[in-house]
């Protein structure tokens, strides 16, 4: 049980870093079109897409990735709490 929670929490933390790096790639022209950017796109876009449908951009700024990262961090915290509650 410890190993399962540990792996899930670690995977969620790594995925949040994948999202952050993917968002930062938008600051560099052509970075998302690179091979690395395409791999990150395949990993990040399925999670970001529902948030983009719900939250409209504010002018030129898309805040949906920030909300997505917060949701993922809250889910990670919830998993921590569930783990300590069961132990």
PDB file of N, CA and C in Angstrom:
ATOM      1  N   UNK A   1       0.825  -1.191   0.000  1.00  0.00           N
ATOM      2  CA  UNK A   1       0.000   0.000   0.000  1.00  0.00           C
ATOM      3  C   UNK A   1       0.867   1.252   0.000  1.00  0.00           C
ATOM      4  N   UNK A   2       1.945   1.208   0.791  1.00  0.00           N
ATOM      5  CA  UNK A   2       2.849   2.354   0.841  1.00  0.00           C
ATOM      6  C   UNK A   2       3.456   2.625  -0.524  1.00  0.00           C
ATOM      7  N   UNK A   3       3.849   1.567  -1.197  1.00  0.00           N
ATOM      8  CA  UNK A   3       4.479   1.712  -2.505  1.00  0.00           C
ATOM      9  C   UNK A   3       3.508   2.308  -3.520  1.00  0.00           C
ATOM     10  N   UNK A   4       2.252   1.870  -3.483  1.00  0.00           N
ATOM     11  CA  UNK A   4       1.251   2.392  -4.424  1.00  0.00           C
ATOM     12  C   UNK A   4       1.044   3.892  -4.237  1.00  0.00           C
ATOM     13  N   UNK A   5       0.854   4.319  -3.003  1.00  0.00           N
ATOM     14  CA  UNK A   5       0.674   5.748  -2.738  1.00  0.00           C
ATOM     15  C   UNK A   5       1.924   6.538  -3.102  1.00  0.00           C
ATOM     16  N   UNK A   6       3.065   5.982  -2.791  1.00  0.00           N
ATOM     17  CA  UNK A   6       4.316   6.664  -3.105  1.00  0.00           C
ATOM     18  C   UNK A   6       4.484   6.851  -4.612  1.00  0.00           C
ATOM     19  N   UNK A   7       4.192   5.826  -5.368  1.00  0.00           N
ATOM     20  CA  UNK A   7       4.310   5.900  -6.832  1.00  0.00           C
ATOM     21  C   UNK A   7       3.294   6.889  -7.400  1.00  0.00           C
ATOM     22  N   UNK A   8       2.063   6.855  -6.908  1.00  0.00           N
ATOM     23  CA  UNK A   8       1.033   7.779  -7.393  1.00  0.00           C
ATOM     24  C   UNK A   8       1.392   9.235  -7.089  1.00  0.00           C
ATOM     25  N   UNK A   9       1.848   9.495  -5.900  1.00  0.00           N
ATOM     26  CA  UNK A   9       2.208  10.857  -5.508  1.00  0.00           C
ATOM     27  C   UNK A   9       3.398  11.340  -6.327  1.00  0.00           C
ATOM     28  N   UNK A  10       4.382  10.481  -6.509  1.00  0.00           N
ATOM     29  CA  UNK A  10       5.558  10.854  -7.300  1.00  0.00           C
ATOM     30  C   UNK A  10       5.168  11.111  -8.755  1.00  0.00           C
ATOM     31  N   UNK A  11       4.290  10.285  -9.309  1.00  0.00           N
ATOM     32  CA  UNK A  11       3.842  10.475 -10.691  1.00  0.00           C
ATOM     33  C   UNK A  11       3.081  11.795 -10.848  1.00  0.00           C
ATOM     34  N   UNK A  12       2.277  12.134  -9.871  1.00  0.00           N
ATOM     35  CA  UNK A  12       1.535  13.389  -9.941  1.00  0.00           C
ATOM     36  C   UNK A  12       2.466  14.589  -9.844  1.00  0.00           C
ATOM     37  N   UNK A  13       3.500  14.490  -9.023  1.00  0.00           N
ATOM     38  CA  UNK A  13       4.463  15.580  -8.915  1.00  0.00           C
ATOM     39  C   UNK A  13       5.274  15.729 -10.204  1.00  0.00           C
ATOM     40  N   UNK A  14       5.668  14.631 -10.800  1.00  0.00           N
ATOM     41  CA  UNK A  14       6.401  14.686 -12.070  1.00  0.00           C
ATOM     42  C   UNK A  14       5.509  15.265 -13.159  1.00  0.00           C
ATOM     43  N   UNK A  15       4.241  14.862 -13.170  1.00  0.00           N
ATOM     44  CA  UNK A  15       3.328  15.371 -14.194  1.00  0.00           C
ATOM     45  C   UNK A  15       3.101  16.876 -14.044  1.00  0.00           C
ATOM     46  N   UNK A  16       3.078  17.367 -12.819  1.00  0.00           N
ATOM     47  CA  UNK A  16       2.926  18.817 -12.643  1.00  0.00           C
ATOM     48  C   UNK A  16       4.146  19.545 -13.198  1.00  0.00           C
ATOM     49  N   UNK A  17       5.332  18.955 -13.072  1.00  0.00           N
ATOM     50  CA  UNK A  17       6.526  19.563 -13.672  1.00  0.00           C
ATOM     51  C   UNK A  17       6.484  19.490 -15.191  1.00  0.00           C
ATOM     52  N   UNK A  18       5.922  18.414 -15.731  1.00  0.00           N
ATOM     53  CA  UNK A  18       5.736  18.323 -17.185  1.00  0.00           C
ATOM     54  C   UNK A  18       4.846  19.462 -17.665  1.00  0.00           C
ATOM     55  N   UNK A  19       3.781  19.729 -16.930  1.00  0.00           N
ATOM     56  CA  UNK A  19       2.882  20.825 -17.294  1.00  0.00           C
ATOM     57  C   UNK A  19       3.592  22.180 -17.221  1.00  0.00           C
ATOM     58  N   UNK A  20       4.369  22.382 -16.179  1.00  0.00           N
ATOM     59  CA  UNK A  20       5.076  23.655 -16.025  1.00  0.00           C
ATOM     60  C   UNK A  20       6.066  23.853 -17.165  1.00  0.00           C
ATOM     61  N   UNK A  21       6.820  22.831 -17.499  1.00  0.00           N
ATOM     62  CA  UNK A  21       7.787  22.939 -18.596  1.00  0.00           C
ATOM     63  C   UNK A  21       7.067  23.177 -19.917  1.00  0.00           C
ATOM     64  N   UNK A  22       5.949  22.503 -20.125  1.00  0.00           N
ATOM     65  CA  UNK A  22       5.172  22.694 -21.351  1.00  0.00           C
ATOM     66  C   UNK A  22       4.660  24.132 -21.458  1.00  0.00           C
ATOM     67  N   UNK A  23       4.228  24.681 -20.365  1.00  0.00           N
ATOM     68  CA  UNK A  23       3.750  26.068 -20.365  1.00  0.00           C
ATOM     69  C   UNK A  23       4.906  27.026 -20.646  1.00  0.00           C
ATOM     70  N   UNK A  24       6.044  26.780 -20.055  1.00  0.00           N
ATOM     71  CA  UNK A  24       7.207  27.649 -20.281  1.00  0.00           C
ATOM     72  C   UNK A  24       7.698  27.594 -21.724  1.00  0.00           C
ATOM     73  N   UNK A  25       7.463  26.481 -22.402  1.00  0.00           N
ATOM     74  CA  UNK A  25       7.868  26.373 -23.809  1.00  0.00           C
ATOM     75  C   UNK A  25       7.131  27.377 -24.693  1.00  0.00           C
ATOM     76  N   UNK A  26       5.966  27.831 -24.249  1.00  0.00           N
ATOM     77  CA  UNK A  26       5.217  28.795 -25.060  1.00  0.00           C
ATOM     78  C   UNK A  26       5.918  30.151 -25.110  1.00  0.00           C
ATOM     79  N   UNK A  27       6.854  30.388 -24.224  1.00  0.00           N
ATOM     80  CA  UNK A  27       7.578  31.658 -24.213  1.00  0.00           C
ATOM     81  C   UNK A  27       8.674  31.705 -25.275  1.00  0.00           C
ATOM     82  N   UNK A  28       9.058  30.553 -25.793  1.00  0.00           N
ATOM     83  CA  UNK A  28      10.138  30.489 -26.771  1.00  0.00           C
ATOM     84  C   UNK A  28       9.573  30.135 -28.140  1.00  0.00           C
ATOM     85  N   UNK A  29       9.827  30.975 -29.145  1.00  0.00           N
ATOM     86  CA  UNK A  29       9.280  30.716 -30.479  1.00  0.00           C
ATOM     87  C   UNK A  29       9.794  29.387 -31.046  1.00  0.00           C
ATOM     88  N   UNK A  30       8.871  28.578 -31.512  1.00  0.00           N
ATOM     89  CA  UNK A  30       9.224  27.318 -32.155  1.00  0.00           C
ATOM     90  C   UNK A  30       9.566  26.187 -31.210  1.00  0.00           C
ATOM     91  N   UNK A  31       9.548  26.430 -29.925  1.00  0.00           N
ATOM     92  CA  UNK A  31       9.933  25.379 -28.974  1.00  0.00           C
ATOM     93  C   UNK A  31       8.904  24.253 -28.931  1.00  0.00           C
ATOM     94  N   UNK A  32       7.639  24.569 -29.069  1.00  0.00           N
ATOM     95  CA  UNK A  32       6.614  23.521 -29.038  1.00  0.00           C
ATOM     96  C   UNK A  32       6.595  22.693 -30.315  1.00  0.00           C
ATOM     97  N   UNK A  33       7.207  23.195 -31.369  1.00  0.00           N
ATOM     98  CA  UNK A  33       7.279  22.445 -32.613  1.00  0.00           C
ATOM     99  C   UNK A  33       8.488  21.516 -32.648  1.00  0.00           C
ATOM    100  N   UNK A  34       9.366  21.607 -31.656  1.00  0.00           N
ATOM    101  CA  UNK A  34      10.519  20.709 -31.592  1.00  0.00           C
ATOM    102  C   UNK A  34      10.053  19.316 -31.178  1.00  0.00           C
ATOM    103  N   UNK A  35      10.932  18.366 -31.288  1.00  0.00           N
ATOM    104  CA  UNK A  35      10.591  16.987 -30.916  1.00  0.00           C
ATOM    105  C   UNK A  35      10.223  16.909 -29.426  1.00  0.00           C
ATOM    106  N   UNK A  36      10.998  17.601 -28.597  1.00  0.00           N
ATOM    107  CA  UNK A  36      10.737  17.635 -27.161  1.00  0.00           C
ATOM    108  C   UNK A  36       9.383  18.274 -26.875  1.00  0.00           C
ATOM    109  N   UNK A  37       9.076  19.369 -27.575  1.00  0.00           N
ATOM    110  CA  UNK A  37       7.801  20.047 -27.402  1.00  0.00           C
ATOM    111  C   UNK A  37       6.625  19.196 -27.827  1.00  0.00           C
ATOM    112  N   UNK A  38       6.805  18.410 -28.879  1.00  0.00           N
ATOM    113  CA  UNK A  38       5.731  17.528 -29.337  1.00  0.00           C
ATOM    114  C   UNK A  38       5.458  16.411 -28.332  1.00  0.00           C
ATOM    115  N   UNK A  39       6.517  15.883 -27.725  1.00  0.00           N
ATOM    116  CA  UNK A  39       6.336  14.840 -26.707  1.00  0.00           C
ATOM    117  C   UNK A  39       5.601  15.418 -25.503  1.00  0.00           C
ATOM    118  N   UNK A  40       6.018  16.604 -25.068  1.00  0.00           N
ATOM    119  CA  UNK A  40       5.329  17.237 -23.947  1.00  0.00           C
ATOM    120  C   UNK A  40       3.886  17.570 -24.294  1.00  0.00           C
ATOM    121  N   UNK A  41       3.646  17.945 -25.536  1.00  0.00           N
ATOM    122  CA  UNK A  41       2.285  18.249 -25.978  1.00  0.00           C
ATOM    123  C   UNK A  41       1.386  17.017 -25.876  1.00  0.00           C
ATOM    124  N   UNK A  42       1.913  15.881 -26.285  1.00  0.00           N
ATOM    125  CA  UNK A  42       1.127  14.645 -26.192  1.00  0.00           C
ATOM    126  C   UNK A  42       0.822  14.258 -24.748  1.00  0.00           C
ATOM    127  N   UNK A  43       1.716  14.634 -23.848  1.00  0.00           N
ATOM    128  CA  UNK A  43       1.494  14.328 -22.434  1.00  0.00           C
ATOM    129  C   UNK A  43       0.580  15.344 -21.755  1.00  0.00           C
ATOM    130  N   UNK A  44       0.727  16.623 -22.098  1.00  0.00           N
ATOM    131  CA  UNK A  44       0.040  17.685 -21.358  1.00  0.00           C
ATOM    132  C   UNK A  44      -1.339  18.037 -21.914  1.00  0.00           C
ATOM    133  N   UNK A  45      -1.493  18.023 -23.221  1.00  0.00           N
ATOM    134  CA  UNK A  45      -2.749  18.499 -23.815  1.00  0.00           C
ATOM    135  C   UNK A  45      -3.994  17.726 -23.387  1.00  0.00           C
ATOM    136  N   UNK A  46      -3.958  16.399 -23.241  1.00  0.00           N
ATOM    137  CA  UNK A  46      -5.182  15.714 -22.787  1.00  0.00           C
ATOM    138  C   UNK A  46      -5.675  16.195 -21.425  1.00  0.00           C
ATOM    139  N   UNK A  47      -4.767  16.585 -20.550  1.00  0.00           N
ATOM    140  CA  UNK A  47      -5.170  17.090 -19.231  1.00  0.00           C
ATOM    141  C   UNK A  47      -5.603  18.547 -19.300  1.00  0.00           C
ATOM    142  N   UNK A  48      -4.953  19.335 -20.155  1.00  0.00           N
ATOM    143  CA  UNK A  48      -5.254  20.764 -20.234  1.00  0.00           C
ATOM    144  C   UNK A  48      -6.525  21.076 -21.030  1.00  0.00           C
ATOM    145  N   UNK A  49      -6.876  20.220 -21.957  1.00  0.00           N
ATOM    146  CA  UNK A  49      -8.005  20.489 -22.857  1.00  0.00           C
ATOM    147  C   UNK A  49      -9.334  20.738 -22.133  1.00  0.00           C
ATOM    148  N   UNK A  50      -9.723  19.922 -21.140  1.00  0.00           N
ATOM    149  CA  UNK A  50     -10.996  20.213 -20.445  1.00  0.00           C
ATOM    150  C   UNK A  50     -10.995  21.569 -19.739  1.00  0.00           C
ATOM    151  N   UNK A  51      -9.850  21.960 -19.212  1.00  0.00           N
ATOM    152  CA  UNK A  51      -9.764  23.262 -18.539  1.00  0.00           C
ATOM    153  C   UNK A  51      -9.883  24.401 -19.549  1.00  0.00           C
ATOM    154  N   UNK A  52      -9.330  24.217 -20.731  1.00  0.00           N
ATOM    155  CA  UNK A  52      -9.420  25.243 -21.771  1.00  0.00           C
ATOM    156  C   UNK A  52     -10.852  25.396 -22.285  1.00  0.00           C
ATOM    157  N   UNK A  53     -11.625  24.319 -22.241  1.00  0.00           N
ATOM    158  CA  UNK A  53     -13.026  24.399 -22.663  1.00  0.00           C
ATOM    159  C   UNK A  53     -13.865  25.167 -21.653  1.00  0.00           C
ATOM    160  N   UNK A  54     -13.515  25.070 -20.382  1.00  0.00           N
ATOM    161  CA  UNK A  54     -14.297  25.706 -19.321  1.00  0.00           C
ATOM    162  C   UNK A  54     -13.874  27.153 -19.092  1.00  0.00           C
ATOM    163  N   UNK A  55     -12.565  27.411 -19.095  1.00  0.00           N
ATOM    164  CA  UNK A  55     -12.038  28.732 -18.737  1.00  0.00           C
ATOM    165  C   UNK A  55     -11.605  29.473 -19.998  1.00  0.00           C
ATOM    166  N   UNK A  56     -12.293  30.544 -20.342  1.00  0.00           N
ATOM    167  CA  UNK A  56     -11.898  31.296 -21.539  1.00  0.00           C
ATOM    168  C   UNK A  56     -10.624  32.108 -21.283  1.00  0.00           C
ATOM    169  N   UNK A  57      -9.852  32.372 -22.338  1.00  0.00           N
ATOM    170  CA  UNK A  57      -8.654  33.205 -22.157  1.00  0.00           C
ATOM    171  C   UNK A  57      -9.030  34.639 -21.783  1.00  0.00           C
ATOM    172  N   UNK A  58      -8.181  35.256 -20.992  1.00  0.00           N
ATOM    173  CA  UNK A  58      -8.372  36.659 -20.627  1.00  0.00           C
ATOM    174  C   UNK A  58      -7.515  37.504 -21.556  1.00  0.00           C
ATOM    175  N   UNK A  59      -8.101  37.915 -22.660  1.00  0.00           N
ATOM    176  CA  UNK A  59      -7.333  38.641 -23.669  1.00  0.00           C
ATOM    177  C   UNK A  59      -6.351  37.695 -24.330  1.00  0.00           C
ATOM    178  N   UNK A  60      -5.073  37.988 -24.190  1.00  0.00           N
ATOM    179  CA  UNK A  60      -4.033  37.136 -24.773  1.00  0.00           C
ATOM    180  C   UNK A  60      -3.475  36.131 -23.761  1.00  0.00           C
ATOM    181  N   UNK A  61      -4.007  36.129 -22.550  1.00  0.00           N
ATOM    182  CA  UNK A  61      -3.471  35.280 -21.489  1.00  0.00           C
ATOM    183  C   UNK A  61      -4.424  34.115 -21.229  1.00  0.00           C
ATOM    184  N   UNK A  62      -3.867  32.916 -21.298  1.00  0.00           N
ATOM    185  CA  UNK A  62      -4.622  31.702 -21.013  1.00  0.00           C
ATOM    186  C   UNK A  62      -4.290  31.256 -19.592  1.00  0.00           C
ATOM    187  N   UNK A  63      -5.262  31.387 -18.687  1.00  0.00           N
ATOM    188  CA  UNK A  63      -5.008  31.019 -17.298  1.00  0.00           C
ATOM    189  C   UNK A  63      -5.420  29.577 -16.986  1.00  0.00           C
ATOM    190  N   UNK A  64      -5.967  28.868 -17.949  1.00  0.00           N
ATOM    191  CA  UNK A  64      -6.406  27.501 -17.701  1.00  0.00           C
ATOM    192  C   UNK A  64      -5.267  26.571 -17.279  1.00  0.00           C
ATOM    193  N   UNK A  65      -4.026  26.711 -17.796  1.00  0.00           N
ATOM    194  CA  UNK A  65      -2.961  25.842 -17.289  1.00  0.00           C
ATOM    195  C   UNK A  65      -2.650  26.072 -15.811  1.00  0.00           C
ATOM    196  N   UNK A  66      -2.784  27.305 -15.352  1.00  0.00           N
ATOM    197  CA  UNK A  66      -2.542  27.596 -13.943  1.00  0.00           C
ATOM    198  C   UNK A  66      -3.590  26.885 -13.088  1.00  0.00           C
ATOM    199  N   UNK A  67      -4.841  26.949 -13.524  1.00  0.00           N
ATOM    200  CA  UNK A  67      -5.918  26.278 -12.797  1.00  0.00           C
ATOM    201  C   UNK A  67      -5.699  24.765 -12.828  1.00  0.00           C
ATOM    202  N   UNK A  68      -5.260  24.244 -13.967  1.00  0.00           N
ATOM    203  CA  UNK A  68      -5.012  22.801 -14.089  1.00  0.00           C
ATOM    204  C   UNK A  68      -3.909  22.355 -13.135  1.00  0.00           C
ATOM    205  N   UNK A  69      -2.850  23.142 -13.032  1.00  0.00           N
ATOM    206  CA  UNK A  69      -1.760  22.795 -12.117  1.00  0.00           C
ATOM    207  C   UNK A  69      -2.246  22.857 -10.667  1.00  0.00           C
ATOM    208  N   UNK A  70      -3.047  23.861 -10.339  1.00  0.00           N
ATOM    209  CA  UNK A  70      -3.597  23.949  -8.980  1.00  0.00           C
ATOM    210  C   UNK A  70      -4.477  22.751  -8.650  1.00  0.00           C
ATOM    211  N   UNK A  71      -5.301  22.332  -9.599  1.00  0.00           N
ATOM    212  CA  UNK A  71      -6.154  21.162  -9.387  1.00  0.00           C
ATOM    213  C   UNK A  71      -5.298  19.918  -9.164  1.00  0.00           C
ATOM    214  N   UNK A  72      -4.244  19.775  -9.958  1.00  0.00           N
ATOM    215  CA  UNK A  72      -3.354  18.626  -9.799  1.00  0.00           C
ATOM    216  C   UNK A  72      -2.642  18.667  -8.451  1.00  0.00           C
ATOM    217  N   UNK A  73      -2.213  19.841  -8.028  1.00  0.00           N
ATOM    218  CA  UNK A  73      -1.554  19.969  -6.713  1.00  0.00           C
ATOM    219  C   UNK A  73      -2.538  19.675  -5.576  1.00  0.00           C
ATOM    220  N   UNK A  74      -3.785  20.146  -5.698  1.00  0.00           N
ATOM    221  CA  UNK A  74      -4.789  19.842  -4.674  1.00  0.00           C
ATOM    222  C   UNK A  74      -5.085  18.342  -4.636  1.00  0.00           C
ATOM    223  N   UNK A  75      -5.119  17.707  -5.792  1.00  0.00           N
ATOM    224  CA  UNK A  75      -5.339  16.254  -5.837  1.00  0.00           C
ATOM    225  C   UNK A  75      -4.179  15.513  -5.179  1.00  0.00           C
ATOM    226  N   UNK A  76      -2.965  15.993  -5.400  1.00  0.00           N
ATOM    227  CA  UNK A  76      -1.801  15.390  -4.752  1.00  0.00           C
ATOM    228  C   UNK A  76      -1.885  15.547  -3.243  1.00  0.00           C
ATOM    229  N   UNK A  77      -2.273  16.730  -2.794  1.00  0.00           N
ATOM    230  CA  UNK A  77      -2.438  16.954  -1.348  1.00  0.00           C
ATOM    231  C   UNK A  77      -3.532  16.065  -0.786  1.00  0.00           C
ATOM    232  N   UNK A  78      -4.611  15.908  -1.521  1.00  0.00           N
ATOM    233  CA  UNK A  78      -5.688  15.023  -1.087  1.00  0.00           C
ATOM    234  C   UNK A  78      -5.231  13.579  -0.984  1.00  0.00           C
ATOM    235  N   UNK A  79      -4.373  13.170  -1.909  1.00  0.00           N
ATOM    236  CA  UNK A  79      -3.834  11.815  -1.853  1.00  0.00           C
ATOM    237  C   UNK A  79      -2.929  11.636  -0.636  1.00  0.00           C
ATOM    238  N   UNK A  80      -2.131  12.667  -0.331  1.00  0.00           N
ATOM    239  CA  UNK A  80      -1.331  12.640   0.903  1.00  0.00           C
ATOM    240  C   UNK A  80      -2.227  12.455   2.117  1.00  0.00           C
ATOM    241  N   UNK A  81      -3.295  13.241   2.204  1.00  0.00           N
ATOM    242  CA  UNK A  81      -4.197  13.175   3.361  1.00  0.00           C
ATOM    243  C   UNK A  81      -4.870  11.815   3.449  1.00  0.00           C
ATOM    244  N   UNK A  82      -5.271  11.278   2.314  1.00  0.00           N
ATOM    245  CA  UNK A  82      -5.890   9.945   2.298  1.00  0.00           C
ATOM    246  C   UNK A  82      -4.909   8.894   2.789  1.00  0.00           C
ATOM    247  N   UNK A  83      -3.674   9.022   2.350  1.00  0.00           N
ATOM    248  CA  UNK A  83      -2.636   8.079   2.786  1.00  0.00           C
ATOM    249  C   UNK A  83      -2.448   8.119   4.296  1.00  0.00           C
ATOM    250  N   UNK A  84      -2.314   9.325   4.855  1.00  0.00           N
ATOM    251  CA  UNK A  84      -2.092   9.439   6.303  1.00  0.00           C
ATOM    252  C   UNK A  84      -3.339   9.081   7.114  1.00  0.00           C
ATOM    253  N   UNK A  85      -4.501   9.261   6.521  1.00  0.00           N
ATOM    254  CA  UNK A  85      -5.726   8.881   7.207  1.00  0.00           C
ATOM    255  C   UNK A  85      -5.850   7.350   7.273  1.00  0.00           C
ATOM    256  N   UNK A  86      -5.400   6.665   6.247  1.00  0.00           N
ATOM    257  CA  UNK A  86      -5.487   5.199   6.229  1.00  0.00           C
ATOM    258  C   UNK A  86      -4.403   4.530   7.040  1.00  0.00           C
ATOM    259  N   UNK A  87      -3.346   5.260   7.320  1.00  0.00           N
ATOM    260  CA  UNK A  87      -2.228   4.662   8.080  1.00  0.00           C
ATOM    261  C   UNK A  87      -2.432   4.818   9.536  1.00  0.00           C
TER     262      UNK A  87
END
